[in-house]
Amino acid sequence: MTTGEPGTAGGSLLRVQLRSALTGAMKARDRQTVSVLRAVLAAIDNAEAVDIGDHRGGAVEAAPIGPGSAEVERRDLDENAIAEIVRAEIADRVSAASGYEAAGCSDRAAVLRAEAATLASFV
């Protein structure tokens, strides 16, 4: 099962579920769910990015030439790593919600708690 996602050979089940839920939320025009799912999918994509420090170029004349010659293989995250990213996103939202509650912004805190609950349904 190939998903066409960067860094996934066969596709992570959790990533496929998140992507499918994103499609459903877009069709339902559920802005809040679309927003949180896009954010967590972006966090997963960012975690797959390679460290640029090892791949810095030198002189221009020594640079690779041709389409794709400067491409670097992305990291391949396993299911546990992706689930840990989702859990970290949940923790971030819960923590931020507590901060908003303390500041007296209960409406924003409620939105963040709802986002955390949406993500919690996947892990």
N, C-alpha and C. Protein backbone atom coordinates (compact mmCIF):
# COMPACT_ATOMS: atom_id res chain seq x y z
N MET A 1 0.85 -1.17 0.00
CA MET A 1 0.00 0.00 0.00
C MET A 1 0.89 1.23 0.00
N THR A 2 0.97 1.92 -1.08
CA THR A 2 1.80 3.10 -1.20
C THR A 2 0.91 4.33 -1.12
N THR A 3 1.30 5.27 -0.28
CA THR A 3 0.46 6.45 -0.07
C THR A 3 0.97 7.66 -0.83
N GLY A 4 2.20 7.60 -1.31
CA GLY A 4 2.76 8.75 -1.99
C GLY A 4 3.26 9.80 -1.02
N GLU A 5 3.27 9.48 0.25
CA GLU A 5 3.74 10.41 1.27
C GLU A 5 5.26 10.40 1.29
N PRO A 6 5.87 11.56 1.53
CA PRO A 6 7.32 11.59 1.64
C PRO A 6 7.79 10.74 2.81
N GLY A 7 8.81 9.97 2.58
CA GLY A 7 9.43 9.20 3.65
C GLY A 7 8.70 7.94 4.03
N THR A 8 7.65 7.56 3.32
CA THR A 8 6.94 6.34 3.68
C THR A 8 7.03 5.35 2.54
N ALA A 9 7.60 4.21 2.83
CA ALA A 9 7.71 3.17 1.82
C ALA A 9 6.36 2.52 1.61
N GLY A 10 5.75 2.03 2.68
CA GLY A 10 4.47 1.38 2.57
C GLY A 10 3.35 2.17 3.19
N GLY A 11 3.66 3.25 3.83
CA GLY A 11 2.66 4.08 4.46
C GLY A 11 2.39 3.66 5.88
N SER A 12 2.44 4.59 6.78
CA SER A 12 2.13 4.33 8.18
C SER A 12 0.62 4.30 8.34
N LEU A 13 0.14 3.36 9.12
CA LEU A 13 -1.31 3.25 9.34
C LEU A 13 -1.85 4.52 9.98
N LEU A 14 -1.13 5.04 10.97
CA LEU A 14 -1.58 6.25 11.65
C LEU A 14 -1.61 7.44 10.69
N ARG A 15 -0.59 7.56 9.86
CA ARG A 15 -0.55 8.66 8.89
C ARG A 15 -1.70 8.52 7.89
N VAL A 16 -1.97 7.32 7.46
CA VAL A 16 -3.08 7.09 6.52
C VAL A 16 -4.41 7.47 7.18
N GLN A 17 -4.56 7.12 8.46
CA GLN A 17 -5.79 7.48 9.18
C GLN A 17 -5.93 8.99 9.31
N LEU A 18 -4.82 9.66 9.63
CA LEU A 18 -4.85 11.12 9.75
C LEU A 18 -5.19 11.77 8.41
N ARG A 19 -4.57 11.28 7.34
CA ARG A 19 -4.81 11.83 6.00
C ARG A 19 -6.26 11.59 5.58
N SER A 20 -6.79 10.42 5.88
CA SER A 20 -8.18 10.11 5.55
C SER A 20 -9.14 11.00 6.34
N ALA A 21 -8.84 11.20 7.62
CA ALA A 21 -9.67 12.08 8.44
C ALA A 21 -9.61 13.51 7.93
N LEU A 22 -8.45 13.93 7.44
CA LEU A 22 -8.31 15.27 6.88
C LEU A 22 -9.22 15.43 5.66
N THR A 23 -9.22 14.44 4.80
CA THR A 23 -10.09 14.49 3.61
C THR A 23 -11.56 14.58 4.03
N GLY A 24 -11.95 13.78 5.01
CA GLY A 24 -13.33 13.81 5.49
C GLY A 24 -13.68 15.15 6.12
N ALA A 25 -12.76 15.72 6.89
CA ALA A 25 -13.02 17.01 7.53
C ALA A 25 -13.11 18.12 6.49
N MET A 26 -12.31 18.02 5.43
CA MET A 26 -12.38 19.02 4.36
C MET A 26 -13.73 18.95 3.66
N LYS A 27 -14.19 17.73 3.40
CA LYS A 27 -15.49 17.57 2.74
C LYS A 27 -16.62 18.07 3.63
N ALA A 28 -16.47 17.89 4.94
CA ALA A 28 -17.49 18.34 5.89
C ALA A 28 -17.35 19.82 6.23
N ARG A 29 -16.30 20.45 5.71
CA ARG A 29 -16.00 21.87 5.97
C ARG A 29 -15.84 22.15 7.47
N ASP A 30 -15.18 21.23 8.15
CA ASP A 30 -14.90 21.36 9.57
C ASP A 30 -13.53 22.02 9.73
N ARG A 31 -13.53 23.34 9.83
CA ARG A 31 -12.28 24.11 9.84
C ARG A 31 -11.36 23.74 10.98
N GLN A 32 -11.92 23.56 12.16
CA GLN A 32 -11.09 23.26 13.33
C GLN A 32 -10.36 21.93 13.16
N THR A 33 -11.06 20.91 12.71
CA THR A 33 -10.45 19.59 12.52
C THR A 33 -9.44 19.64 11.38
N VAL A 34 -9.76 20.32 10.30
CA VAL A 34 -8.82 20.47 9.19
C VAL A 34 -7.53 21.12 9.68
N SER A 35 -7.67 22.16 10.46
CA SER A 35 -6.51 22.89 10.97
C SER A 35 -5.61 22.00 11.83
N VAL A 36 -6.19 21.28 12.77
CA VAL A 36 -5.39 20.46 13.67
C VAL A 36 -4.76 19.28 12.93
N LEU A 37 -5.47 18.69 11.99
CA LEU A 37 -4.91 17.57 11.24
C LEU A 37 -3.78 18.03 10.31
N ARG A 38 -3.95 19.18 9.68
CA ARG A 38 -2.86 19.72 8.85
C ARG A 38 -1.63 20.00 9.70
N ALA A 39 -1.84 20.53 10.90
CA ALA A 39 -0.72 20.85 11.78
C ALA A 39 0.04 19.59 12.19
N VAL A 40 -0.67 18.54 12.55
CA VAL A 40 0.02 17.32 13.00
C VAL A 40 0.69 16.62 11.81
N LEU A 41 0.08 16.64 10.64
CA LEU A 41 0.73 16.05 9.46
C LEU A 41 1.99 16.84 9.08
N ALA A 42 1.96 18.14 9.25
CA ALA A 42 3.14 18.96 9.00
C ALA A 42 4.24 18.65 10.02
N ALA A 43 3.86 18.42 11.27
CA ALA A 43 4.84 18.07 12.30
C ALA A 43 5.51 16.74 11.96
N ILE A 44 4.74 15.80 11.44
CA ILE A 44 5.29 14.51 11.04
C ILE A 44 6.25 14.71 9.86
N ASP A 45 5.84 15.48 8.88
CA ASP A 45 6.71 15.76 7.73
C ASP A 45 8.00 16.44 8.17
N ASN A 46 7.91 17.38 9.11
CA ASN A 46 9.09 18.07 9.61
C ASN A 46 10.04 17.10 10.32
N ALA A 47 9.49 16.14 11.03
CA ALA A 47 10.32 15.17 11.74
C ALA A 47 11.06 14.26 10.76
N GLU A 48 10.51 14.09 9.57
CA GLU A 48 11.15 13.24 8.56
C GLU A 48 12.26 13.96 7.81
N ALA A 49 12.34 15.27 7.94
CA ALA A 49 13.35 16.04 7.23
C ALA A 49 14.74 15.69 7.75
N VAL A 50 15.71 15.71 6.87
CA VAL A 50 17.09 15.41 7.27
C VAL A 50 17.78 16.68 7.75
N ASP A 51 18.81 16.50 8.55
CA ASP A 51 19.59 17.62 9.06
C ASP A 51 20.43 18.18 7.92
N ILE A 52 20.28 19.46 7.66
CA ILE A 52 20.99 20.10 6.55
C ILE A 52 22.49 20.21 6.83
N GLY A 53 22.90 20.12 8.08
CA GLY A 53 24.30 20.26 8.45
C GLY A 53 25.22 19.31 7.72
N ASP A 54 24.78 18.10 7.45
CA ASP A 54 25.61 17.11 6.77
C ASP A 54 25.62 17.29 5.27
N HIS A 55 24.78 18.13 4.73
CA HIS A 55 24.60 18.20 3.29
C HIS A 55 24.84 19.59 2.72
N ARG A 56 25.59 20.40 3.42
CA ARG A 56 25.88 21.74 2.92
C ARG A 56 26.86 21.65 1.76
N GLY A 57 26.62 22.47 0.78
CA GLY A 57 27.48 22.47 -0.39
C GLY A 57 28.72 23.30 -0.18
N GLY A 58 29.67 23.08 -1.02
CA GLY A 58 30.90 23.86 -1.00
C GLY A 58 30.89 24.82 -2.17
N ALA A 59 31.89 24.72 -2.99
CA ALA A 59 32.01 25.59 -4.15
C ALA A 59 30.91 25.27 -5.16
N VAL A 60 30.48 26.28 -5.88
CA VAL A 60 29.42 26.11 -6.87
C VAL A 60 29.84 25.11 -7.94
N GLU A 61 31.10 25.16 -8.35
CA GLU A 61 31.54 24.26 -9.41
C GLU A 61 31.58 22.80 -8.96
N ALA A 62 31.53 22.55 -7.65
CA ALA A 62 31.53 21.18 -7.15
C ALA A 62 30.11 20.67 -6.88
N ALA A 63 29.12 21.51 -7.13
CA ALA A 63 27.73 21.15 -6.85
C ALA A 63 27.23 20.12 -7.86
N PRO A 64 26.36 19.22 -7.41
CA PRO A 64 25.77 18.25 -8.34
C PRO A 64 24.90 18.95 -9.38
N ILE A 65 24.82 18.35 -10.55
CA ILE A 65 24.07 18.94 -11.64
C ILE A 65 23.00 17.96 -12.11
N GLY A 66 21.85 18.48 -12.47
CA GLY A 66 20.79 17.65 -13.03
C GLY A 66 19.61 17.53 -12.09
N PRO A 67 18.45 17.18 -12.65
CA PRO A 67 17.25 17.06 -11.83
C PRO A 67 17.40 15.98 -10.76
N GLY A 68 17.11 16.36 -9.53
CA GLY A 68 17.14 15.40 -8.43
C GLY A 68 18.52 15.06 -7.91
N SER A 69 19.56 15.63 -8.48
CA SER A 69 20.90 15.26 -8.05
C SER A 69 21.25 15.78 -6.66
N ALA A 70 20.54 16.78 -6.20
CA ALA A 70 20.80 17.32 -4.87
C ALA A 70 19.77 16.83 -3.85
N GLU A 71 18.89 15.93 -4.25
CA GLU A 71 17.87 15.40 -3.35
C GLU A 71 18.50 14.48 -2.32
N VAL A 72 17.95 14.52 -1.12
CA VAL A 72 18.41 13.67 -0.03
C VAL A 72 17.21 12.87 0.45
N GLU A 73 17.44 11.60 0.70
CA GLU A 73 16.36 10.72 1.19
C GLU A 73 15.88 11.19 2.56
N ARG A 74 14.56 11.28 2.73
CA ARG A 74 13.98 11.69 4.01
C ARG A 74 14.08 10.54 5.00
N ARG A 75 14.00 10.87 6.28
CA ARG A 75 13.99 9.83 7.31
C ARG A 75 12.69 9.04 7.19
N ASP A 76 12.77 7.78 7.53
CA ASP A 76 11.59 6.93 7.50
C ASP A 76 11.16 6.67 8.94
N LEU A 77 10.08 7.29 9.37
CA LEU A 77 9.60 7.14 10.75
C LEU A 77 8.71 5.91 10.87
N ASP A 78 8.90 5.17 11.95
CA ASP A 78 8.03 4.02 12.18
C ASP A 78 6.74 4.48 12.88
N GLU A 79 5.84 3.54 13.05
CA GLU A 79 4.53 3.84 13.63
C GLU A 79 4.64 4.45 15.03
N ASN A 80 5.57 3.93 15.84
CA ASN A 80 5.75 4.44 17.20
C ASN A 80 6.24 5.88 17.20
N ALA A 81 7.15 6.22 16.30
CA ALA A 81 7.66 7.59 16.23
C ALA A 81 6.55 8.56 15.82
N ILE A 82 5.72 8.14 14.89
CA ILE A 82 4.61 8.99 14.45
C ILE A 82 3.60 9.16 15.59
N ALA A 83 3.31 8.08 16.30
CA ALA A 83 2.39 8.17 17.45
C ALA A 83 2.96 9.09 18.53
N GLU A 84 4.26 9.06 18.72
CA GLU A 84 4.90 9.93 19.72
C GLU A 84 4.78 11.40 19.31
N ILE A 85 4.87 11.68 18.02
CA ILE A 85 4.70 13.05 17.53
C ILE A 85 3.27 13.52 17.80
N VAL A 86 2.30 12.66 17.53
CA VAL A 86 0.89 13.01 17.78
C VAL A 86 0.68 13.25 19.28
N ARG A 87 1.27 12.39 20.12
CA ARG A 87 1.15 12.59 21.57
C ARG A 87 1.79 13.92 22.01
N ALA A 88 2.90 14.28 21.41
CA ALA A 88 3.57 15.55 21.74
C ALA A 88 2.69 16.73 21.33
N GLU A 89 2.03 16.62 20.19
CA GLU A 89 1.11 17.68 19.75
C GLU A 89 -0.07 17.80 20.71
N ILE A 90 -0.56 16.67 21.21
CA ILE A 90 -1.64 16.70 22.20
C ILE A 90 -1.16 17.39 23.48
N ALA A 91 0.02 17.01 23.94
CA ALA A 91 0.57 17.60 25.17
C ALA A 91 0.77 19.11 25.01
N ASP A 92 1.24 19.53 23.84
CA ASP A 92 1.42 20.97 23.58
C ASP A 92 0.10 21.71 23.70
N ARG A 93 -0.94 21.14 23.13
CA ARG A 93 -2.24 21.80 23.16
C ARG A 93 -2.83 21.85 24.57
N VAL A 94 -2.67 20.77 25.32
CA VAL A 94 -3.18 20.74 26.69
C VAL A 94 -2.43 21.75 27.55
N SER A 95 -1.12 21.82 27.37
CA SER A 95 -0.31 22.77 28.12
C SER A 95 -0.69 24.21 27.78
N ALA A 96 -0.85 24.49 26.49
CA ALA A 96 -1.24 25.83 26.07
C ALA A 96 -2.63 26.18 26.59
N ALA A 97 -3.53 25.20 26.60
CA ALA A 97 -4.88 25.44 27.11
C ALA A 97 -4.84 25.82 28.59
N SER A 98 -3.97 25.17 29.35
CA SER A 98 -3.83 25.52 30.77
C SER A 98 -3.34 26.95 30.92
N GLY A 99 -2.41 27.35 30.07
CA GLY A 99 -1.92 28.73 30.10
C GLY A 99 -3.01 29.73 29.77
N TYR A 100 -3.81 29.42 28.77
CA TYR A 100 -4.92 30.31 28.41
C TYR A 100 -5.95 30.39 29.53
N GLU A 101 -6.22 29.24 30.18
CA GLU A 101 -7.16 29.23 31.32
C GLU A 101 -6.66 30.16 32.42
N ALA A 102 -5.36 30.06 32.71
CA ALA A 102 -4.77 30.88 33.77
C ALA A 102 -4.84 32.37 33.42
N ALA A 103 -4.78 32.66 32.11
CA ALA A 103 -4.83 34.05 31.66
C ALA A 103 -6.26 34.56 31.50
N GLY A 104 -7.23 33.68 31.73
CA GLY A 104 -8.62 34.09 31.64
C GLY A 104 -9.22 33.99 30.25
N CYS A 105 -8.57 33.30 29.36
CA CYS A 105 -9.09 33.13 27.99
C CYS A 105 -9.67 31.73 27.84
N SER A 106 -10.79 31.50 28.48
CA SER A 106 -11.37 30.16 28.48
C SER A 106 -11.88 29.73 27.11
N ASP A 107 -12.26 30.68 26.26
CA ASP A 107 -12.74 30.31 24.93
C ASP A 107 -11.62 29.70 24.09
N ARG A 108 -10.43 30.29 24.12
CA ARG A 108 -9.29 29.75 23.37
C ARG A 108 -8.83 28.43 23.98
N ALA A 109 -8.89 28.33 25.31
CA ALA A 109 -8.53 27.08 25.98
C ALA A 109 -9.46 25.95 25.56
N ALA A 110 -10.73 26.25 25.41
CA ALA A 110 -11.69 25.23 24.98
C ALA A 110 -11.39 24.74 23.57
N VAL A 111 -10.99 25.66 22.70
CA VAL A 111 -10.63 25.27 21.33
C VAL A 111 -9.42 24.34 21.35
N LEU A 112 -8.41 24.68 22.13
CA LEU A 112 -7.21 23.84 22.22
C LEU A 112 -7.51 22.48 22.82
N ARG A 113 -8.39 22.44 23.81
CA ARG A 113 -8.76 21.16 24.40
C ARG A 113 -9.54 20.30 23.39
N ALA A 114 -10.36 20.92 22.58
CA ALA A 114 -11.09 20.19 21.54
C ALA A 114 -10.12 19.65 20.49
N GLU A 115 -9.11 20.43 20.14
CA GLU A 115 -8.09 19.97 19.20
C GLU A 115 -7.35 18.77 19.78
N ALA A 116 -6.99 18.85 21.06
CA ALA A 116 -6.30 17.74 21.71
C ALA A 116 -7.17 16.49 21.72
N ALA A 117 -8.46 16.67 21.96
CA ALA A 117 -9.37 15.52 21.96
C ALA A 117 -9.48 14.90 20.56
N THR A 118 -9.46 15.74 19.54
CA THR A 118 -9.51 15.23 18.17
C THR A 118 -8.28 14.37 17.91
N LEU A 119 -7.11 14.86 18.28
CA LEU A 119 -5.88 14.09 18.05
C LEU A 119 -5.83 12.84 18.92
N ALA A 120 -6.36 12.93 20.15
CA ALA A 120 -6.34 11.78 21.06
C ALA A 120 -7.14 10.61 20.51
N SER A 121 -8.11 10.90 19.65
CA SER A 121 -8.91 9.82 19.08
C SER A 121 -8.12 8.94 18.11
N PHE A 122 -6.93 9.38 17.72
CA PHE A 122 -6.11 8.61 16.79
C PHE A 122 -5.05 7.76 17.47
N VAL A 123 -4.72 8.06 18.72
CA VAL A 123 -3.67 7.28 19.41
C VAL A 123 -4.21 6.53 20.60
